[in-house]
PDB file of N, CA and C in Angstrom:
ATOM      1  N   MET A   1     -33.148   2.618  51.397  1.00  0.00           N
ATOM      2  CA  MET A   1     -32.355   1.752  50.536  1.00  0.00           C
ATOM      3  C   MET A   1     -31.512   0.774  51.368  1.00  0.00           C
ATOM      4  N   ARG A   2     -30.955   1.214  52.453  1.00  0.00           N
ATOM      5  CA  ARG A   2     -30.131   0.339  53.284  1.00  0.00           C
ATOM      6  C   ARG A   2     -30.946  -0.822  53.850  1.00  0.00           C
ATOM      7  N   ARG A   3     -32.171  -0.560  54.229  1.00  0.00           N
ATOM      8  CA  ARG A   3     -33.017  -1.610  54.798  1.00  0.00           C
ATOM      9  C   ARG A   3     -33.271  -2.717  53.770  1.00  0.00           C
ATOM     10  N   GLN A   4     -33.507  -2.348  52.511  1.00  0.00           N
ATOM     11  CA  GLN A   4     -33.730  -3.340  51.466  1.00  0.00           C
ATOM     12  C   GLN A   4     -32.483  -4.174  51.219  1.00  0.00           C
ATOM     13  N   GLN A   5     -31.318  -3.557  51.237  1.00  0.00           N
ATOM     14  CA  GLN A   5     -30.069  -4.291  51.035  1.00  0.00           C
ATOM     15  C   GLN A   5     -29.867  -5.288  52.166  1.00  0.00           C
ATOM     16  N   PHE A   6     -30.175  -4.893  53.387  1.00  0.00           N
ATOM     17  CA  PHE A   6     -30.006  -5.776  54.536  1.00  0.00           C
ATOM     18  C   PHE A   6     -30.954  -6.965  54.436  1.00  0.00           C
ATOM     19  N   LYS A   7     -32.163  -6.743  54.012  1.00  0.00           N
ATOM     20  CA  LYS A   7     -33.141  -7.825  53.889  1.00  0.00           C
ATOM     21  C   LYS A   7     -32.676  -8.881  52.890  1.00  0.00           C
ATOM     22  N   ARG A   8     -32.032  -8.472  51.828  1.00  0.00           N
ATOM     23  CA  ARG A   8     -31.565  -9.423  50.825  1.00  0.00           C
ATOM     24  C   ARG A   8     -30.431 -10.295  51.351  1.00  0.00           C
ATOM     25  N   GLN A   9     -29.716  -9.819  52.358  1.00  0.00           N
ATOM     26  CA  GLN A   9     -28.580 -10.561  52.873  1.00  0.00           C
ATOM     27  C   GLN A   9     -28.956 -11.528  53.992  1.00  0.00           C
ATOM     28  N   LEU A  10     -30.170 -11.445  54.485  1.00  0.00           N
ATOM     29  CA  LEU A  10     -30.585 -12.358  55.541  1.00  0.00           C
ATOM     30  C   LEU A  10     -30.668 -13.784  55.009  1.00  0.00           C
ATOM     31  N   PRO A  11     -30.272 -14.754  55.804  1.00  0.00           N
ATOM     32  CA  PRO A  11     -30.350 -16.138  55.348  1.00  0.00           C
ATOM     33  C   PRO A  11     -31.803 -16.575  55.165  1.00  0.00           C
ATOM     34  N   THR A  12     -32.045 -17.318  54.118  1.00  0.00           N
ATOM     35  CA  THR A  12     -33.385 -17.849  53.862  1.00  0.00           C
ATOM     36  C   THR A  12     -33.499 -19.226  54.508  1.00  0.00           C
ATOM     37  N   PRO A  13     -34.700 -19.698  54.766  1.00  0.00           N
ATOM     38  CA  PRO A  13     -34.862 -21.048  55.324  1.00  0.00           C
ATOM     39  C   PRO A  13     -34.220 -22.124  54.444  1.00  0.00           C
ATOM     40  N   ASP A  14     -34.332 -21.987  53.126  1.00  0.00           N
ATOM     41  CA  ASP A  14     -33.705 -22.964  52.227  1.00  0.00           C
ATOM     42  C   ASP A  14     -32.186 -22.916  52.329  1.00  0.00           C
ATOM     43  N   GLY A  15     -31.635 -21.706  52.444  1.00  0.00           N
ATOM     44  CA  GLY A  15     -30.188 -21.558  52.581  1.00  0.00           C
ATOM     45  C   GLY A  15     -29.676 -22.158  53.881  1.00  0.00           C
ATOM     46  N   ILE A  16     -30.422 -21.942  54.949  1.00  0.00           N
ATOM     47  CA  ILE A  16     -30.047 -22.514  56.253  1.00  0.00           C
ATOM     48  C   ILE A  16     -30.119 -24.027  56.193  1.00  0.00           C
ATOM     49  N   ASN A  17     -31.200 -24.568  55.615  1.00  0.00           N
ATOM     50  CA  ASN A  17     -31.337 -26.023  55.494  1.00  0.00           C
ATOM     51  C   ASN A  17     -30.216 -26.624  54.656  1.00  0.00           C
ATOM     52  N   ALA A  18     -29.829 -25.939  53.580  1.00  0.00           N
ATOM     53  CA  ALA A  18     -28.744 -26.435  52.731  1.00  0.00           C
ATOM     54  C   ALA A  18     -27.422 -26.463  53.492  1.00  0.00           C
ATOM     55  N   ALA A  19     -27.156 -25.433  54.292  1.00  0.00           N
ATOM     56  CA  ALA A  19     -25.922 -25.383  55.072  1.00  0.00           C
ATOM     57  C   ALA A  19     -25.900 -26.484  56.138  1.00  0.00           C
ATOM     58  N   VAL A  20     -27.019 -26.679  56.797  1.00  0.00           N
ATOM     59  CA  VAL A  20     -27.109 -27.739  57.811  1.00  0.00           C
ATOM     60  C   VAL A  20     -26.934 -29.105  57.149  1.00  0.00           C
ATOM     61  N   ALA A  21     -27.563 -29.306  55.999  1.00  0.00           N
ATOM     62  CA  ALA A  21     -27.440 -30.584  55.285  1.00  0.00           C
ATOM     63  C   ALA A  21     -25.993 -30.834  54.867  1.00  0.00           C
ATOM     64  N   ALA A  22     -25.302 -29.799  54.402  1.00  0.00           N
ATOM     65  CA  ALA A  22     -23.898 -29.961  53.997  1.00  0.00           C
ATOM     66  C   ALA A  22     -23.038 -30.384  55.187  1.00  0.00           C
ATOM     67  N   ALA A  23     -23.268 -29.779  56.338  1.00  0.00           N
ATOM     68  CA  ALA A  23     -22.510 -30.149  57.541  1.00  0.00           C
ATOM     69  C   ALA A  23     -22.832 -31.585  57.964  1.00  0.00           C
ATOM     70  N   LEU A  24     -24.103 -31.954  57.887  1.00  0.00           N
ATOM     71  CA  LEU A  24     -24.496 -33.310  58.270  1.00  0.00           C
ATOM     72  C   LEU A  24     -23.955 -34.367  57.307  1.00  0.00           C
ATOM     73  N   MET A  25     -23.834 -34.022  56.028  1.00  0.00           N
ATOM     74  CA  MET A  25     -23.264 -34.960  55.059  1.00  0.00           C
ATOM     75  C   MET A  25     -21.823 -35.294  55.435  1.00  0.00           C
ATOM     76  N   SER A  26     -21.054 -34.273  55.779  1.00  0.00           N
ATOM     77  CA  SER A  26     -19.671 -34.507  56.211  1.00  0.00           C
ATOM     78  C   SER A  26     -19.650 -35.393  57.444  1.00  0.00           C
ATOM     79  N   HIS A  27     -20.474 -35.073  58.407  1.00  0.00           N
ATOM     80  CA  HIS A  27     -20.556 -35.850  59.645  1.00  0.00           C
ATOM     81  C   HIS A  27     -20.907 -37.311  59.347  1.00  0.00           C
ATOM     82  N   TYR A  28     -21.879 -37.516  58.477  1.00  0.00           N
ATOM     83  CA  TYR A  28     -22.352 -38.853  58.125  1.00  0.00           C
ATOM     84  C   TYR A  28     -21.227 -39.715  57.552  1.00  0.00           C
ATOM     85  N   PHE A  29     -20.443 -39.119  56.654  1.00  0.00           N
ATOM     86  CA  PHE A  29     -19.386 -39.899  56.018  1.00  0.00           C
ATOM     87  C   PHE A  29     -18.122 -40.003  56.875  1.00  0.00           C
ATOM     88  N   ILE A  30     -17.769 -38.962  57.596  1.00  0.00           N
ATOM     89  CA  ILE A  30     -16.576 -39.024  58.457  1.00  0.00           C
ATOM     90  C   ILE A  30     -16.740 -40.088  59.524  1.00  0.00           C
ATOM     91  N   TYR A  31     -17.919 -40.144  60.124  1.00  0.00           N
ATOM     92  CA  TYR A  31     -18.165 -41.113  61.200  1.00  0.00           C
ATOM     93  C   TYR A  31     -18.785 -42.417  60.698  1.00  0.00           C
ATOM     94  N   ARG A  32     -18.856 -42.547  59.367  1.00  0.00           N
ATOM     95  CA  ARG A  32     -19.350 -43.771  58.729  1.00  0.00           C
ATOM     96  C   ARG A  32     -20.649 -44.272  59.366  1.00  0.00           C
ATOM     97  N   LEU A  33     -21.650 -43.402  59.329  1.00  0.00           N
ATOM     98  CA  LEU A  33     -22.923 -43.702  59.977  1.00  0.00           C
ATOM     99  C   LEU A  33     -23.860 -44.559  59.141  1.00  0.00           C
ATOM    100  N   GLY A  34     -23.513 -44.802  57.901  1.00  0.00           N
ATOM    101  CA  GLY A  34     -24.373 -45.640  57.081  1.00  0.00           C
ATOM    102  C   GLY A  34     -23.921 -45.663  55.634  1.00  0.00           C
ATOM    103  N   ALA A  35     -24.695 -46.370  54.832  1.00  0.00           N
ATOM    104  CA  ALA A  35     -24.404 -46.499  53.404  1.00  0.00           C
ATOM    105  C   ALA A  35     -24.761 -45.207  52.672  1.00  0.00           C
ATOM    106  N   LYS A  36     -24.104 -44.975  51.529  1.00  0.00           N
ATOM    107  CA  LYS A  36     -24.370 -43.775  50.735  1.00  0.00           C
ATOM    108  C   LYS A  36     -25.837 -43.682  50.344  1.00  0.00           C
ATOM    109  N   ARG A  37     -26.418 -44.818  50.004  1.00  0.00           N
ATOM    110  CA  ARG A  37     -27.813 -44.799  49.549  1.00  0.00           C
ATOM    111  C   ARG A  37     -28.787 -44.387  50.655  1.00  0.00           C
ATOM    112  N   LYS A  38     -28.350 -44.418  51.904  1.00  0.00           N
ATOM    113  CA  LYS A  38     -29.215 -44.060  53.033  1.00  0.00           C
ATOM    114  C   LYS A  38     -28.993 -42.617  53.510  1.00  0.00           C
ATOM    115  N   LEU A  39     -28.125 -41.874  52.812  1.00  0.00           N
ATOM    116  CA  LEU A  39     -27.821 -40.501  53.222  1.00  0.00           C
ATOM    117  C   LEU A  39     -29.077 -39.628  53.250  1.00  0.00           C
ATOM    118  N   GLY A  40     -29.898 -39.709  52.213  1.00  0.00           N
ATOM    119  CA  GLY A  40     -31.120 -38.901  52.165  1.00  0.00           C
ATOM    120  C   GLY A  40     -32.042 -39.176  53.333  1.00  0.00           C
ATOM    121  N   GLU A  41     -32.165 -40.435  53.678  1.00  0.00           N
ATOM    122  CA  GLU A  41     -32.988 -40.842  54.814  1.00  0.00           C
ATOM    123  C   GLU A  41     -32.446 -40.243  56.122  1.00  0.00           C
ATOM    124  N   PHE A  42     -31.124 -40.266  56.269  1.00  0.00           N
ATOM    125  CA  PHE A  42     -30.476 -39.680  57.443  1.00  0.00           C
ATOM    126  C   PHE A  42     -30.759 -38.181  57.524  1.00  0.00           C
ATOM    127  N   LEU A  43     -30.594 -37.484  56.396  1.00  0.00           N
ATOM    128  CA  LEU A  43     -30.811 -36.036  56.385  1.00  0.00           C
ATOM    129  C   LEU A  43     -32.251 -35.678  56.713  1.00  0.00           C
ATOM    130  N   GLU A  44     -33.195 -36.461  56.220  1.00  0.00           N
ATOM    131  CA  GLU A  44     -34.606 -36.169  56.483  1.00  0.00           C
ATOM    132  C   GLU A  44     -34.938 -36.269  57.964  1.00  0.00           C
ATOM    133  N   GLY A  45     -34.138 -36.993  58.721  1.00  0.00           N
ATOM    134  CA  GLY A  45     -34.344 -37.079  60.161  1.00  0.00           C
ATOM    135  C   GLY A  45     -33.945 -35.808  60.900  1.00  0.00           C
ATOM    136  N   TYR A  46     -33.172 -34.932  60.235  1.00  0.00           N
ATOM    137  CA  TYR A  46     -32.667 -33.728  60.899  1.00  0.00           C
ATOM    138  C   TYR A  46     -33.031 -32.428  60.201  1.00  0.00           C
ATOM    139  N   VAL A  47     -33.229 -32.473  58.884  1.00  0.00           N
ATOM    140  CA  VAL A  47     -33.447 -31.251  58.107  1.00  0.00           C
ATOM    141  C   VAL A  47     -34.744 -31.391  57.328  1.00  0.00           C
ATOM    142  N   SER A  48     -35.576 -30.356  57.367  1.00  0.00           N
ATOM    143  CA  SER A  48     -36.827 -30.432  56.615  1.00  0.00           C
ATOM    144  C   SER A  48     -36.535 -30.400  55.114  1.00  0.00           C
ATOM    145  N   GLY A  49     -37.323 -31.124  54.366  1.00  0.00           N
ATOM    146  CA  GLY A  49     -37.141 -31.201  52.918  1.00  0.00           C
ATOM    147  C   GLY A  49     -37.143 -32.645  52.464  1.00  0.00           C
ATOM    148  N   GLU A  50     -37.105 -32.818  51.154  1.00  0.00           N
ATOM    149  CA  GLU A  50     -37.114 -34.158  50.564  1.00  0.00           C
ATOM    150  C   GLU A  50     -35.698 -34.537  50.159  1.00  0.00           C
ATOM    151  N   TRP A  51     -34.905 -34.930  51.106  1.00  0.00           N
ATOM    152  CA  TRP A  51     -33.501 -35.249  50.863  1.00  0.00           C
ATOM    153  C   TRP A  51     -33.313 -36.642  50.296  1.00  0.00           C
ATOM    154  N   ASN A  52     -34.321 -37.453  50.331  1.00  0.00           N
ATOM    155  CA  ASN A  52     -34.216 -38.794  49.773  1.00  0.00           C
ATOM    156  C   ASN A  52     -34.205 -38.767  48.250  1.00  0.00           C
ATOM    157  N   GLN A  53     -34.456 -37.616  47.667  1.00  0.00           N
ATOM    158  CA  GLN A  53     -34.473 -37.463  46.215  1.00  0.00           C
ATOM    159  C   GLN A  53     -33.113 -37.034  45.674  1.00  0.00           C
ATOM    160  N   LEU A  54     -32.065 -37.176  46.483  1.00  0.00           N
ATOM    161  CA  LEU A  54     -30.724 -36.793  46.050  1.00  0.00           C
ATOM    162  C   LEU A  54     -30.297 -37.609  44.841  1.00  0.00           C
ATOM    163  N   ILE A  55     -29.461 -37.027  44.009  1.00  0.00           N
ATOM    164  CA  ILE A  55     -28.916 -37.743  42.861  1.00  0.00           C
ATOM    165  C   ILE A  55     -28.014 -38.851  43.399  1.00  0.00           C
ATOM    166  N   PRO A  56     -28.217 -40.081  42.975  1.00  0.00           N
ATOM    167  CA  PRO A  56     -27.393 -41.176  43.496  1.00  0.00           C
ATOM    168  C   PRO A  56     -25.934 -41.031  43.080  1.00  0.00           C
ATOM    169  N   MET A  57     -25.040 -41.388  43.984  1.00  0.00           N
ATOM    170  CA  MET A  57     -23.623 -41.384  43.675  1.00  0.00           C
ATOM    171  C   MET A  57     -23.324 -42.632  42.867  1.00  0.00           C
ATOM    172  N   ARG A  58     -22.667 -42.470  41.755  1.00  0.00           N
ATOM    173  CA  ARG A  58     -22.483 -43.577  40.823  1.00  0.00           C
ATOM    174  C   ARG A  58     -21.163 -44.326  40.983  1.00  0.00           C
ATOM    175  N   ARG A  59     -20.174 -43.705  41.600  1.00  0.00           N
ATOM    176  CA  ARG A  59     -18.901 -44.414  41.727  1.00  0.00           C
ATOM    177  C   ARG A  59     -18.271 -44.127  43.079  1.00  0.00           C
ATOM    178  N   ASN A  60     -17.414 -45.006  43.479  1.00  0.00           N
ATOM    179  CA  ASN A  60     -16.694 -44.839  44.737  1.00  0.00           C
ATOM    180  C   ASN A  60     -15.416 -44.061  44.499  1.00  0.00           C
ATOM    181  N   ILE A  61     -15.044 -43.230  45.437  1.00  0.00           N
ATOM    182  CA  ILE A  61     -13.772 -42.525  45.393  1.00  0.00           C
ATOM    183  C   ILE A  61     -12.906 -43.118  46.486  1.00  0.00           C
ATOM    184  N   PRO A  62     -11.768 -43.692  46.124  1.00  0.00           N
ATOM    185  CA  PRO A  62     -10.918 -44.297  47.152  1.00  0.00           C
ATOM    186  C   PRO A  62     -10.482 -43.278  48.189  1.00  0.00           C
ATOM    187  N   ILE A  63     -10.444 -43.698  49.436  1.00  0.00           N
ATOM    188  CA  ILE A  63     -10.047 -42.817  50.532  1.00  0.00           C
ATOM    189  C   ILE A  63      -8.651 -42.260  50.307  1.00  0.00           C
ATOM    190  N   THR A  64      -7.759 -43.025  49.701  1.00  0.00           N
ATOM    191  CA  THR A  64      -6.387 -42.543  49.487  1.00  0.00           C
ATOM    192  C   THR A  64      -6.382 -41.288  48.630  1.00  0.00           C
ATOM    193  N   LYS A  65      -7.278 -41.180  47.661  1.00  0.00           N
ATOM    194  CA  LYS A  65      -7.340 -39.976  46.840  1.00  0.00           C
ATOM    195  C   LYS A  65      -7.841 -38.781  47.650  1.00  0.00           C
ATOM    196  N   LEU A  66      -8.717 -39.017  48.596  1.00  0.00           N
ATOM    197  CA  LEU A  66      -9.231 -37.924  49.414  1.00  0.00           C
ATOM    198  C   LEU A  66      -8.172 -37.380  50.367  1.00  0.00           C
ATOM    199  N   ASN A  67      -7.238 -38.219  50.763  1.00  0.00           N
ATOM    200  CA  ASN A  67      -6.210 -37.815  51.722  1.00  0.00           C
ATOM    201  C   ASN A  67      -5.000 -37.164  51.074  1.00  0.00           C
ATOM    202  N   GLN A  68      -4.908 -37.208  49.743  1.00  0.00           N
ATOM    203  CA  GLN A  68      -3.764 -36.602  49.067  1.00  0.00           C
ATOM    204  C   GLN A  68      -3.905 -35.094  49.057  1.00  0.00           C
ATOM    205  N   LYS A  69      -2.771 -34.422  49.203  1.00  0.00           N
ATOM    206  CA  LYS A  69      -2.766 -32.962  49.126  1.00  0.00           C
ATOM    207  C   LYS A  69      -2.876 -32.540  47.656  1.00  0.00           C
ATOM    208  N   PRO A  70      -3.659 -31.494  47.376  1.00  0.00           N
ATOM    209  CA  PRO A  70      -3.769 -31.048  45.988  1.00  0.00           C
ATOM    210  C   PRO A  70      -2.462 -30.436  45.507  1.00  0.00           C
ATOM    211  N   VAL A  71      -2.184 -30.609  44.242  1.00  0.00           N
ATOM    212  CA  VAL A  71      -0.990 -30.034  43.632  1.00  0.00           C
ATOM    213  C   VAL A  71      -1.360 -28.657  43.116  1.00  0.00           C
ATOM    214  N   VAL A  72      -0.635 -27.648  43.586  1.00  0.00           N
ATOM    215  CA  VAL A  72      -0.909 -26.275  43.173  1.00  0.00           C
ATOM    216  C   VAL A  72       0.287 -25.792  42.361  1.00  0.00           C
ATOM    217  N   GLN A  73       0.009 -25.337  41.154  1.00  0.00           N
ATOM    218  CA  GLN A  73       1.061 -24.794  40.309  1.00  0.00           C
ATOM    219  C   GLN A  73       0.917 -23.292  40.255  1.00  0.00           C
ATOM    220  N   LEU A  74       1.954 -22.600  40.654  1.00  0.00           N
ATOM    221  CA  LEU A  74       1.950 -21.145  40.623  1.00  0.00           C
ATOM    222  C   LEU A  74       2.719 -20.667  39.407  1.00  0.00           C
ATOM    223  N   GLY A  75       2.232 -19.587  38.843  1.00  0.00           N
ATOM    224  CA  GLY A  75       2.995 -18.973  37.765  1.00  0.00           C
ATOM    225  C   GLY A  75       2.460 -19.179  36.467  1.00  0.00           C
TER     226      GLY A  75
END
């Protein structure tokens, strides 16, 4: 039984590719390596899969909103 539980916890190739793609997306935008519409093309150069089929981003989010600290209400 323990062996089966361990096998289920091993990372799958799709899971590894998704994690690598998520890290590369951050890198792409932090270092401003290209336009949003070219993100899929960039990912396909590093991660196997059809990343050019990503859902297009429809609106811009101003950088000032990204830099604001979230408001947390306790209680």
